[in-house]
């Protein structure tokens, strides 16, 4: 495993759907639809790489989420992913 790759427990199945979006802080979020696995990433490229690696390299198993998408680690596996439909926060200098 390359040093820049996050460790993977391979707890996800290649048949799962991954949701990808940005949280309120601008981090990229990847979460499997049922909440089985996911993570925070500093770039879109890394988020997509993780999702492809975990889903068996199936681009059709990835969905970009509009608006704010927060990683929710407390959900039960049977509940849908938590999405917030508010517009992203703007950073001001």
Foldseek 3Di string as FASTA:
>chain_A
DDPPADDDPLQAELQWAWEWEAALVGWIWIATFLRRDIDTHRDPVNRVVVVCVSNVNDPVRYHYDPAHADRDNPDGSRDGGDDDRDHHDDDDD
